[in-house]
Structure formats: C-alpha cells, structure tokens
Amino acid sequence: MRPPLSSDMGARSASLTSGTEAELLGAAEVDSHVATETLSAHALIDTQEKLQAYMHERLKALETQLQVEQQRQRDRVDEDLHKMRQQLAAATEEQRQQHQSMSALVRETFEEMRKQLADALQRLSQESDHALRQSEAHNRVALEKLRDEMLQSLLERDRTTVKRQMLGELLITLGKKLRAAAKDQDA
C-alpha cells in the first residue's frame, strides 16, 4: 500500500502552475524531480511491502519448519518411548518366564527330592523288615539249636541216668548174687 503524497508536494505542484514560463520550465524540472521523488517513495514503499511480505513468508516458513522439527522430535521421543516400553515389556516377560522356570525347577527338584526320600524310606523299611526277618530266622535257628542241644543234653543225662540206674540195678543184683553165692559157700 502506498502512502498518500505529502501535502508539501501538492503545494509545490500548485505553485508551479500559477507562474511564468521560466517558472514553468523550472516547474517542469521540479515536477520531474517531484515525480522522481514520488516514484522513489512508491518504489521504497513497494520494497518495504515486498520486504515485509518476504519477512512474513520467511517467518511462516520458519514457523512451519519449527513445527515440523518439533513434530519430528515428538515422533522421535514417542518412538523412543515406544521402544523403551517394548524393551520393558520384553524384560518383564523374560523375568516372568525366568521366574516361572525357576519355580518349575524348584517344584521339580522338590518333587524329585520327595520321591528320593520316599524311596529311601521305603528301602530303609524294606531293609529293616529284611533285617528283622533275618534276625528272627537266626533267632529261630539259634533257639532250635539250643533246644536241640538241651534235648540232646537231657537225653544224654537221661541215658546216663538210665545207665546208672541199670548199672545200680545190675550192681544190686550182682551184690545179691554174690551174697547168695557167699552164703551158699558158707553154708
């Protein structure tokens, strides 16, 4: 937008038209000079308007560039945040799986140890039963042997007693016969 011509210029134009020819020549020169100044003022105004338009466009371009850069940074931050969330989720999942596998391992180990303990107790019980049966068998054999020895001893004693008794009876019979024979000889 061009500003209106100054009132000074308008006044000069008016004074030029009322004078003589020399004045007209001088006025033409002045007019030419005024026209040049007017053109210069209009050119300056045009340049100023163009500069303002350029600055406005440049500011808009910079604003757009800043908005684009800001959006790019937001997108990068969002992307980094998304990656971090994924990494956190992956780490959490890995930790959960490790915890589950550790729990399963502990359960398996506990179950295996429980089975081993049950097997050991069963073997101990079986070995204990076997040792008890062997001990009872040995005791039975020892008792049988002792009983047999005692019976043998009793039988031996009975035989000895019988032999002694028989020997005693024989001796008594012999004594009676010897007395009778001695009586017969004496008589």
Foldseek 3Di string as FASTA:
>chain_A
DADDDDVVLVVLLVVQVPDDVVSVVVSVVVVVVSVVVSVVSVVVVVVVVVVVVVVVVVVVVVVVVVVVVVVVVVVVVVVVVVVVVVVVVVVVVVVVVVVVVVVVVVVVVVVVVVVVVVVVVVVVVVVVVVVVVVVVVVVVVVVVVVVVVVVVVVVVVVVVVVVVVVVVVVVVVVVVVVVVVVVVVVD
